[in-house]
Amino acid sequence: VQLVESGGGLVQPGGSLRLSCAASGFTFSGYRMRWY
């Protein structure tokens, strides 16, 4: 199993970001996912 997050950074209050997590090594579509 590999999970690779990306998309973080420095942002001002009120701003937006989109985080991504690319998964491999398992049948992704069969599993619940979480962000912590």
Full PDB file with SEQRES, HELIX, SHEET, SSBOND, CRYST1, ORIGX, SCALE, CONECT and MASTER records, all heavy atoms in Angstrom:
SEQRES   1 A   36  VAL GLN LEU VAL GLU SER GLY GLY GLY LEU VAL GLN PRO          
SEQRES   2 A   36  GLY GLY SER LEU ARG LEU SER CYS ALA ALA SER GLY PHE          
SEQRES   3 A   36  THR PHE SER GLY TYR ARG MET ARG TRP TYR                      
HELIX    1 AA1 PHE A   28  GLY A   30  5                                   3    
SHEET    1 AA1 2 GLN A   2  SER A   6  0                                        
SHEET    2 AA1 2 SER A  20  SER A  24 -1                                        
CRYST1    1.000    1.000    1.000  90.00  90.00  90.00 P 1           1          
ORIGX1      1.000000  0.000000  0.000000        0.00000                         
ORIGX2      0.000000  1.000000  0.000000        0.00000                         
ORIGX3      0.000000  0.000000  1.000000        0.00000                         
SCALE1      1.000000  0.000000  0.000000        0.00000                         
SCALE2      0.000000  1.000000  0.000000        0.00000                         
SCALE3      0.000000  0.000000  1.000000        0.00000                         
ATOM      1  N   VAL A   1       0.836  -1.193   0.000  1.00  0.00           N  
ATOM      2  CA  VAL A   1       0.000   0.000   0.000  1.00  0.00           C  
ATOM      3  C   VAL A   1       0.874   1.247   0.000  1.00  0.00           C  
ATOM      4  O   VAL A   1       1.816   1.365   0.779  1.00  0.00           O  
ATOM      5  CB  VAL A   1      -0.928   0.006   1.230  1.00  0.00           C  
ATOM      6  CG1 VAL A   1      -1.657   1.329   1.344  1.00  0.00           C  
ATOM      7  CG2 VAL A   1      -1.912  -1.155   1.161  1.00  0.00           C  
ATOM      8  N   GLN A   2       0.559   2.147  -0.914  1.00  0.00           N  
ATOM      9  CA  GLN A   2       1.233   3.459  -0.937  1.00  0.00           C  
ATOM     10  C   GLN A   2       0.190   4.549  -1.024  1.00  0.00           C  
ATOM     11  O   GLN A   2      -0.752   4.461  -1.824  1.00  0.00           O  
ATOM     12  CB  GLN A   2       2.190   3.554  -2.122  1.00  0.00           C  
ATOM     13  CG  GLN A   2       3.526   2.884  -1.897  1.00  0.00           C  
ATOM     14  CD  GLN A   2       4.576   3.365  -2.885  1.00  0.00           C  
ATOM     15  OE1 GLN A   2       4.332   3.414  -4.074  1.00  0.00           O  
ATOM     16  NE2 GLN A   2       5.744   3.719  -2.377  1.00  0.00           N  
ATOM     17  N   LEU A   3       0.371   5.570  -0.210  1.00  0.00           N  
ATOM     18  CA  LEU A   3      -0.483   6.749  -0.222  1.00  0.00           C  
ATOM     19  C   LEU A   3       0.429   7.963  -0.295  1.00  0.00           C  
ATOM     20  O   LEU A   3       1.305   8.124   0.554  1.00  0.00           O  
ATOM     21  CB  LEU A   3      -1.332   6.806   1.047  1.00  0.00           C  
ATOM     22  CG  LEU A   3      -2.271   5.629   1.292  1.00  0.00           C  
ATOM     23  CD1 LEU A   3      -2.857   5.707   2.693  1.00  0.00           C  
ATOM     24  CD2 LEU A   3      -3.392   5.618   0.257  1.00  0.00           C  
ATOM     25  N   VAL A   4       0.231   8.787  -1.299  1.00  0.00           N  
ATOM     26  CA  VAL A   4       1.097   9.948  -1.504  1.00  0.00           C  
ATOM     27  C   VAL A   4       0.244  11.207  -1.544  1.00  0.00           C  
ATOM     28  O   VAL A   4      -0.505  11.430  -2.504  1.00  0.00           O  
ATOM     29  CB  VAL A   4       1.924   9.816  -2.788  1.00  0.00           C  
ATOM     30  CG1 VAL A   4       2.816  11.040  -2.971  1.00  0.00           C  
ATOM     31  CG2 VAL A   4       2.757   8.537  -2.776  1.00  0.00           C  
ATOM     32  N   GLU A   5       0.382  12.015  -0.499  1.00  0.00           N  
ATOM     33  CA  GLU A   5      -0.369  13.270  -0.428  1.00  0.00           C  
ATOM     34  C   GLU A   5       0.390  14.380  -1.133  1.00  0.00           C  
ATOM     35  O   GLU A   5       1.623  14.385  -1.170  1.00  0.00           O  
ATOM     36  CB  GLU A   5      -0.610  13.685   1.027  1.00  0.00           C  
ATOM     37  CG  GLU A   5      -1.392  12.700   1.862  1.00  0.00           C  
ATOM     38  CD  GLU A   5      -0.498  11.776   2.670  1.00  0.00           C  
ATOM     39  OE1 GLU A   5       0.669  11.583   2.277  1.00  0.00           O  
ATOM     40  OE2 GLU A   5      -0.964  11.253   3.701  1.00  0.00           O  
ATOM     41  N   SER A   6      -0.365  15.338  -1.651  1.00  0.00           N  
ATOM     42  CA  SER A   6       0.221  16.521  -2.269  1.00  0.00           C  
ATOM     43  C   SER A   6      -0.786  17.656  -2.199  1.00  0.00           C  
ATOM     44  O   SER A   6      -1.954  17.440  -1.859  1.00  0.00           O  
ATOM     45  CB  SER A   6       0.607  16.235  -3.728  1.00  0.00           C  
ATOM     46  OG  SER A   6      -0.530  15.876  -4.485  1.00  0.00           O  
ATOM     47  N   GLY A   7      -0.313  18.853  -2.511  1.00  0.00           N  
ATOM     48  CA  GLY A   7      -1.206  19.997  -2.590  1.00  0.00           C  
ATOM     49  C   GLY A   7      -1.139  20.952  -1.421  1.00  0.00           C  
ATOM     50  O   GLY A   7      -1.798  21.994  -1.438  1.00  0.00           O  
ATOM     51  N   GLY A   8      -0.369  20.605  -0.401  1.00  0.00           N  
ATOM     52  CA  GLY A   8      -0.251  21.516   0.727  1.00  0.00           C  
ATOM     53  C   GLY A   8       0.551  22.747   0.371  1.00  0.00           C  
ATOM     54  O   GLY A   8       1.131  22.850  -0.717  1.00  0.00           O  
ATOM     55  N   GLY A   9       0.580  23.682   1.300  1.00  0.00           N  
ATOM     56  CA  GLY A   9       1.337  24.908   1.066  1.00  0.00           C  
ATOM     57  C   GLY A   9       0.973  25.979   2.049  1.00  0.00           C  
ATOM     58  O   GLY A   9       0.304  25.728   3.059  1.00  0.00           O  
ATOM     59  N   LEU A  10       1.420  27.190   1.746  1.00  0.00           N  
ATOM     60  CA  LEU A  10       1.150  28.361   2.570  1.00  0.00           C  
ATOM     61  C   LEU A  10       0.008  29.146   1.937  1.00  0.00           C  
ATOM     62  O   LEU A  10       0.052  29.451   0.732  1.00  0.00           O  
ATOM     63  CB  LEU A  10       2.404  29.234   2.658  1.00  0.00           C  
ATOM     64  CG  LEU A  10       2.280  30.576   3.358  1.00  0.00           C  
ATOM     65  CD1 LEU A  10       1.929  30.386   4.830  1.00  0.00           C  
ATOM     66  CD2 LEU A  10       3.569  31.370   3.212  1.00  0.00           C  
ATOM     67  N   VAL A  11      -0.984  29.463   2.738  1.00  0.00           N  
ATOM     68  CA  VAL A  11      -2.142  30.187   2.226  1.00  0.00           C  
ATOM     69  C   VAL A  11      -2.600  31.198   3.280  1.00  0.00           C  
ATOM     70  O   VAL A  11      -2.417  30.974   4.488  1.00  0.00           O  
ATOM     71  CB  VAL A  11      -3.274  29.205   1.861  1.00  0.00           C  
ATOM     72  CG1 VAL A  11      -3.760  28.439   3.079  1.00  0.00           C  
ATOM     73  CG2 VAL A  11      -4.409  29.894   1.140  1.00  0.00           C  
ATOM     74  N   GLN A  12      -3.165  32.291   2.835  1.00  0.00           N  
ATOM     75  CA  GLN A  12      -3.670  33.304   3.760  1.00  0.00           C  
ATOM     76  C   GLN A  12      -5.024  32.876   4.319  1.00  0.00           C  
ATOM     77  O   GLN A  12      -5.748  32.098   3.686  1.00  0.00           O  
ATOM     78  CB  GLN A  12      -3.806  34.640   3.043  1.00  0.00           C  
ATOM     79  CG  GLN A  12      -2.485  35.264   2.656  1.00  0.00           C  
ATOM     80  CD  GLN A  12      -2.654  36.652   2.083  1.00  0.00           C  
ATOM     81  OE1 GLN A  12      -3.725  37.027   1.614  1.00  0.00           O  
ATOM     82  NE2 GLN A  12      -1.588  37.436   2.106  1.00  0.00           N  
ATOM     83  N   PRO A  13      -5.375  33.391   5.476  1.00  0.00           N  
ATOM     84  CA  PRO A  13      -6.719  33.114   6.004  1.00  0.00           C  
ATOM     85  C   PRO A  13      -7.788  33.490   4.984  1.00  0.00           C  
ATOM     86  O   PRO A  13      -7.687  34.526   4.319  1.00  0.00           O  
ATOM     87  CB  PRO A  13      -6.791  34.000   7.243  1.00  0.00           C  
ATOM     88  CG  PRO A  13      -5.371  34.146   7.678  1.00  0.00           C  
ATOM     89  CD  PRO A  13      -4.571  34.197   6.409  1.00  0.00           C  
ATOM     90  N   GLY A  14      -8.781  32.617   4.861  1.00  0.00           N  
ATOM     91  CA  GLY A  14      -9.828  32.822   3.860  1.00  0.00           C  
ATOM     92  C   GLY A  14      -9.544  32.191   2.522  1.00  0.00           C  
ATOM     93  O   GLY A  14     -10.422  32.130   1.664  1.00  0.00           O  
ATOM     94  N   GLY A  15      -8.332  31.720   2.350  1.00  0.00           N  
ATOM     95  CA  GLY A  15      -7.940  31.116   1.084  1.00  0.00           C  
ATOM     96  C   GLY A  15      -8.378  29.669   0.960  1.00  0.00           C  
ATOM     97  O   GLY A  15      -9.051  29.116   1.838  1.00  0.00           O  
ATOM     98  N   SER A  16      -7.963  29.078  -0.156  1.00  0.00           N  
ATOM     99  CA  SER A  16      -8.351  27.699  -0.468  1.00  0.00           C  
ATOM    100  C   SER A  16      -7.143  26.880  -0.902  1.00  0.00           C  
ATOM    101  O   SER A  16      -6.171  27.419  -1.453  1.00  0.00           O  
ATOM    102  CB  SER A  16      -9.387  27.696  -1.601  1.00  0.00           C  
ATOM    103  OG  SER A  16     -10.555  28.375  -1.232  1.00  0.00           O  
ATOM    104  N   LEU A  17      -7.248  25.580  -0.667  1.00  0.00           N  
ATOM    105  CA  LEU A  17      -6.280  24.616  -1.163  1.00  0.00           C  
ATOM    106  C   LEU A  17      -7.024  23.332  -1.484  1.00  0.00           C  
ATOM    107  O   LEU A  17      -8.047  23.034  -0.848  1.00  0.00           O  
ATOM    108  CB  LEU A  17      -5.204  24.301  -0.121  1.00  0.00           C  
ATOM    109  CG  LEU A  17      -4.063  25.284   0.110  1.00  0.00           C  
ATOM    110  CD1 LEU A  17      -3.216  24.819   1.293  1.00  0.00           C  
ATOM    111  CD2 LEU A  17      -3.212  25.456  -1.133  1.00  0.00           C  
ATOM    112  N   ARG A  18      -6.484  22.561  -2.415  1.00  0.00           N  
ATOM    113  CA  ARG A  18      -7.005  21.234  -2.662  1.00  0.00           C  
ATOM    114  C   ARG A  18      -5.887  20.225  -2.463  1.00  0.00           C  
ATOM    115  O   ARG A  18      -4.859  20.276  -3.152  1.00  0.00           O  
ATOM    116  CB  ARG A  18      -7.582  21.076  -4.063  1.00  0.00           C  
ATOM    117  CG  ARG A  18      -8.298  19.742  -4.234  1.00  0.00           C  
ATOM    118  CD  ARG A  18      -8.973  19.561  -5.576  1.00  0.00           C  
ATOM    119  NE  ARG A  18      -8.046  19.136  -6.612  1.00  0.00           N  
ATOM    120  CZ  ARG A  18      -8.422  18.462  -7.700  1.00  0.00           C  
ATOM    121  NH1 ARG A  18      -9.697  18.149  -7.877  1.00  0.00           N  
ATOM    122  NH2 ARG A  18      -7.522  18.137  -8.606  1.00  0.00           N  
ATOM    123  N   LEU A  19      -6.110  19.333  -1.521  1.00  0.00           N  
ATOM    124  CA  LEU A  19      -5.164  18.257  -1.272  1.00  0.00           C  
ATOM    125  C   LEU A  19      -5.555  17.038  -2.095  1.00  0.00           C  
ATOM    126  O   LEU A  19      -6.733  16.773  -2.316  1.00  0.00           O  
ATOM    127  CB  LEU A  19      -5.143  17.883   0.205  1.00  0.00           C  
ATOM    128  CG  LEU A  19      -4.899  19.018   1.199  1.00  0.00           C  
ATOM    129  CD1 LEU A  19      -4.825  18.456   2.616  1.00  0.00           C  
ATOM    130  CD2 LEU A  19      -3.663  19.805   0.850  1.00  0.00           C  
ATOM    131  N   SER A  20      -4.540  16.300  -2.515  1.00  0.00           N  
ATOM    132  CA  SER A  20      -4.754  15.053  -3.238  1.00  0.00           C  
ATOM    133  C   SER A  20      -4.006  13.930  -2.539  1.00  0.00           C  
ATOM    134  O   SER A  20      -2.956  14.161  -1.927  1.00  0.00           O  
ATOM    135  CB  SER A  20      -4.234  15.160  -4.679  1.00  0.00           C  
ATOM    136  OG  SER A  20      -4.891  16.175  -5.391  1.00  0.00           O  
ATOM    137  N   CYS A  21      -4.525  12.748  -2.661  1.00  0.00           N  
ATOM    138  CA  CYS A  21      -3.862  11.556  -2.131  1.00  0.00           C  
ATOM    139  C   CYS A  21      -3.961  10.471  -3.189  1.00  0.00           C  
ATOM    140  O   CYS A  21      -5.056   9.961  -3.460  1.00  0.00           O  
ATOM    141  CB  CYS A  21      -4.509  11.101  -0.838  1.00  0.00           C  
ATOM    142  SG  CYS A  21      -3.896   9.508  -0.235  1.00  0.00           S  
ATOM    143  N   ALA A  22      -2.818  10.159  -3.779  1.00  0.00           N  
ATOM    144  CA  ALA A  22      -2.761   9.120  -4.806  1.00  0.00           C  
ATOM    145  C   ALA A  22      -2.480   7.780  -4.146  1.00  0.00           C  
ATOM    146  O   ALA A  22      -1.509   7.643  -3.399  1.00  0.00           O  
ATOM    147  CB  ALA A  22      -1.674   9.445  -5.822  1.00  0.00           C  
ATOM    148  N   ALA A  23      -3.322   6.809  -4.428  1.00  0.00           N  
ATOM    149  CA  ALA A  23      -3.236   5.508  -3.771  1.00  0.00           C  
ATOM    150  C   ALA A  23      -2.819   4.421  -4.749  1.00  0.00           C  
ATOM    151  O   ALA A  23      -3.157   4.471  -5.932  1.00  0.00           O  
ATOM    152  CB  ALA A  23      -4.585   5.150  -3.157  1.00  0.00           C  
ATOM    153  N   SER A  24      -2.102   3.436  -4.234  1.00  0.00           N  
ATOM    154  CA  SER A  24      -1.721   2.278  -5.038  1.00  0.00           C  
ATOM    155  C   SER A  24      -1.481   1.086  -4.124  1.00  0.00           C  
ATOM    156  O   SER A  24      -1.343   1.241  -2.908  1.00  0.00           O  
ATOM    157  CB  SER A  24      -0.465   2.578  -5.866  1.00  0.00           C  
ATOM    158  OG  SER A  24       0.631   2.885  -5.033  1.00  0.00           O  
ATOM    159  N   GLY A  25      -1.456  -0.094  -4.718  1.00  0.00           N  
ATOM    160  CA  GLY A  25      -1.158  -1.296  -3.948  1.00  0.00           C  
ATOM    161  C   GLY A  25      -2.365  -1.991  -3.357  1.00  0.00           C  
ATOM    162  O   GLY A  25      -2.211  -2.991  -2.651  1.00  0.00           O  
ATOM    163  N   PHE A  26      -3.553  -1.478  -3.620  1.00  0.00           N  
ATOM    164  CA  PHE A  26      -4.780  -2.112  -3.146  1.00  0.00           C  
ATOM    165  C   PHE A  26      -5.914  -1.687  -4.070  1.00  0.00           C  
ATOM    166  O   PHE A  26      -5.752  -0.789  -4.896  1.00  0.00           O  
ATOM    167  CB  PHE A  26      -5.078  -1.744  -1.692  1.00  0.00           C  
ATOM    168  CG  PHE A  26      -5.348  -0.284  -1.445  1.00  0.00           C  
ATOM    169  CD1 PHE A  26      -6.638   0.176  -1.217  1.00  0.00           C  
ATOM    170  CD2 PHE A  26      -4.311   0.646  -1.428  1.00  0.00           C  
ATOM    171  CE1 PHE A  26      -6.887   1.522  -0.978  1.00  0.00           C  
ATOM    172  CE2 PHE A  26      -4.550   1.989  -1.201  1.00  0.00           C  
ATOM    173  CZ  PHE A  26      -5.845   2.433  -0.975  1.00  0.00           C  
ATOM    174  N   THR A  27      -7.046  -2.343  -3.926  1.00  0.00           N  
ATOM    175  CA  THR A  27      -8.198  -2.043  -4.782  1.00  0.00           C  
ATOM    176  C   THR A  27      -8.914  -0.827  -4.226  1.00  0.00           C  
ATOM    177  O   THR A  27      -9.844  -0.920  -3.415  1.00  0.00           O  
ATOM    178  CB  THR A  27      -9.135  -3.249  -4.869  1.00  0.00           C  
ATOM    179  OG1 THR A  27      -8.386  -4.397  -5.291  1.00  0.00           O  
ATOM    180  CG2 THR A  27     -10.255  -2.975  -5.877  1.00  0.00           C  
ATOM    181  N   PHE A  28      -8.476   0.319  -4.663  1.00  0.00           N  
ATOM    182  CA  PHE A  28      -8.913   1.600  -4.108  1.00  0.00           C  
ATOM    183  C   PHE A  28     -10.429   1.723  -4.043  1.00  0.00           C  
ATOM    184  O   PHE A  28     -10.978   2.182  -3.028  1.00  0.00           O  
ATOM    185  CB  PHE A  28      -8.324   2.727  -4.957  1.00  0.00           C  
ATOM    186  CG  PHE A  28      -8.687   4.111  -4.508  1.00  0.00           C  
ATOM    187  CD1 PHE A  28      -8.059   4.698  -3.422  1.00  0.00           C  
ATOM    188  CD2 PHE A  28      -9.650   4.850  -5.196  1.00  0.00           C  
ATOM    189  CE1 PHE A  28      -8.379   5.980  -3.013  1.00  0.00           C  
ATOM    190  CE2 PHE A  28      -9.979   6.136  -4.804  1.00  0.00           C  
ATOM    191  CZ  PHE A  28      -9.338   6.695  -3.704  1.00  0.00           C  
ATOM    192  N   SER A  29     -11.104   1.313  -5.074  1.00  0.00           N  
ATOM    193  CA  SER A  29     -12.554   1.519  -5.155  1.00  0.00           C  
ATOM    194  C   SER A  29     -13.332   0.714  -4.130  1.00  0.00           C  
ATOM    195  O   SER A  29     -14.527   0.941  -3.946  1.00  0.00           O  
ATOM    196  CB  SER A  29     -13.042   1.172  -6.556  1.00  0.00           C  
ATOM    197  OG  SER A  29     -12.755  -0.190  -6.859  1.00  0.00           O  
ATOM    198  N   GLY A  30     -12.660  -0.192  -3.446  1.00  0.00           N  
ATOM    199  CA  GLY A  30     -13.338  -1.018  -2.460  1.00  0.00           C  
ATOM    200  C   GLY A  30     -13.191  -0.557  -1.028  1.00  0.00           C  
ATOM    201  O   GLY A  30     -13.699  -1.205  -0.110  1.00  0.00           O  
ATOM    202  N   TYR A  31     -12.523   0.570  -0.826  1.00  0.00           N  
ATOM    203  CA  TYR A  31     -12.179   0.985   0.528  1.00  0.00           C  
ATOM    204  C   TYR A  31     -12.639   2.402   0.874  1.00  0.00           C  
ATOM    205  O   TYR A  31     -12.477   3.334   0.079  1.00  0.00           O  
ATOM    206  CB  TYR A  31     -10.668   0.910   0.730  1.00  0.00           C  
ATOM    207  CG  TYR A  31     -10.145  -0.491   0.829  1.00  0.00           C  
ATOM    208  CD1 TYR A  31      -9.847  -1.212  -0.321  1.00  0.00           C  
ATOM    209  CD2 TYR A  31      -9.954  -1.088   2.069  1.00  0.00           C  
ATOM    210  CE1 TYR A  31      -9.373  -2.507  -0.234  1.00  0.00           C  
ATOM    211  CE2 TYR A  31      -9.478  -2.385   2.160  1.00  0.00           C  
ATOM    212  CZ  TYR A  31      -9.187  -3.094   1.009  1.00  0.00           C  
ATOM    213  OH  TYR A  31      -8.715  -4.373   1.094  1.00  0.00           O  
ATOM    214  N   ARG A  32     -13.162   2.516   2.084  1.00  0.00           N  
ATOM    215  CA  ARG A  32     -13.391   3.834   2.681  1.00  0.00           C  
ATOM    216  C   ARG A  32     -12.046   4.538   2.821  1.00  0.00           C  
ATOM    217  O   ARG A  32     -11.028   3.911   3.099  1.00  0.00           O  
ATOM    218  CB  ARG A  32     -14.028   3.636   4.057  1.00  0.00           C  
ATOM    219  CG  ARG A  32     -14.315   4.887   4.847  1.00  0.00           C  
ATOM    220  CD  ARG A  32     -14.824   4.506   6.234  1.00  0.00           C  
ATOM    221  NE  ARG A  32     -16.117   3.825   6.152  1.00  0.00           N  
ATOM    222  CZ  ARG A  32     -17.283   4.418   6.293  1.00  0.00           C  
ATOM    223  NH1 ARG A  32     -17.330   5.731   6.513  1.00  0.00           N  
ATOM    224  NH2 ARG A  32     -18.395   3.735   6.239  1.00  0.00           N  
ATOM    225  N   MET A  33     -12.071   5.859   2.696  1.00  0.00           N  
ATOM    226  CA  MET A  33     -10.857   6.664   2.833  1.00  0.00           C  
ATOM    227  C   MET A  33     -11.099   7.800   3.819  1.00  0.00           C  
ATOM    228  O   MET A  33     -12.229   8.279   3.975  1.00  0.00           O  
ATOM    229  CB  MET A  33     -10.438   7.252   1.475  1.00  0.00           C  
ATOM    230  CG  MET A  33     -10.047   6.226   0.429  1.00  0.00           C  
ATOM    231  SD  MET A  33      -8.553   5.309   0.849  1.00  0.00           S  
ATOM    232  CE  MET A  33      -7.318   6.608   0.851  1.00  0.00           C  
ATOM    233  N   ARG A  34     -10.031   8.219   4.449  1.00  0.00           N  
ATOM    234  CA  ARG A  34     -10.127   9.299   5.438  1.00  0.00           C  
ATOM    235  C   ARG A  34      -8.986  10.295   5.282  1.00  0.00           C  
ATOM    236  O   ARG A  34      -7.889   9.934   4.835  1.00  0.00           O  
ATOM    237  CB  ARG A  34     -10.115   8.724   6.861  1.00  0.00           C  
ATOM    238  CG  ARG A  34     -11.382   7.983   7.213  1.00  0.00           C  
ATOM    239  CD  ARG A  34     -11.308   7.366   8.599  1.00  0.00           C  
ATOM    240  NE  ARG A  34     -12.603   6.805   8.979  1.00  0.00           N  
ATOM    241  CZ  ARG A  34     -12.806   6.021  10.017  1.00  0.00           C  
ATOM    242  NH1 ARG A  34     -11.791   5.680  10.807  1.00  0.00           N  
ATOM    243  NH2 ARG A  34     -14.008   5.566  10.279  1.00  0.00           N  
ATOM    244  N   TRP A  35      -9.256  11.521   5.693  1.00  0.00           N  
ATOM    245  CA  TRP A  35      -8.230  12.535   5.875  1.00  0.00           C  
ATOM    246  C   TRP A  35      -8.145  12.827   7.367  1.00  0.00           C  
ATOM    247  O   TRP A  35      -9.178  13.033   8.027  1.00  0.00           O  
ATOM    248  CB  TRP A  35      -8.564  13.818   5.125  1.00  0.00           C  
ATOM    249  CG  TRP A  35      -8.308  13.759   3.668  1.00  0.00           C  
ATOM    250  CD1 TRP A  35      -9.225  13.521   2.669  1.00  0.00           C  
ATOM    251  CD2 TRP A  35      -7.060  13.977   3.003  1.00  0.00           C  
ATOM    252  NE1 TRP A  35      -8.617  13.565   1.443  1.00  0.00           N  
ATOM    253  CE2 TRP A  35      -7.282  13.845   1.613  1.00  0.00           C  
ATOM    254  CE3 TRP A  35      -5.769  14.267   3.442  1.00  0.00           C  
ATOM    255  CZ2 TRP A  35      -6.262  13.998   0.669  1.00  0.00           C  
ATOM    256  CZ3 TRP A  35      -4.757  14.409   2.507  1.00  0.00           C  
ATOM    257  CH2 TRP A  35      -5.007  14.278   1.134  1.00  0.00           C  
ATOM    258  N   TYR A  36      -6.926  12.867   7.862  1.00  0.00           N  
ATOM    259  CA  TYR A  36      -6.627  13.268   9.225  1.00  0.00           C  
ATOM    260  C   TYR A  36      -5.708  14.487   9.175  1.00  0.00           C  
ATOM    261  O   TYR A  36      -5.088  14.776   8.154  1.00  0.00           O  
ATOM    262  CB  TYR A  36      -5.892  12.156   9.974  1.00  0.00           C  
ATOM    263  CG  TYR A  36      -6.727  10.995  10.433  1.00  0.00           C  
ATOM    264  CD1 TYR A  36      -7.069   9.970   9.563  1.00  0.00           C  
ATOM    265  CD2 TYR A  36      -7.153  10.906  11.762  1.00  0.00           C  
ATOM    266  CE1 TYR A  36      -7.826   8.895   9.992  1.00  0.00           C  
ATOM    267  CE2 TYR A  36      -7.902   9.828  12.203  1.00  0.00           C  
ATOM    268  CZ  TYR A  36      -8.228   8.814  11.314  1.00  0.00           C  
ATOM    269  OH  TYR A  36      -8.970   7.749  11.748  1.00  0.00           O  
TER     270      TYR A  36                                                      
MASTER        0    0    0    1    2    0    0    6  269    1    0    3          
END                                                                             
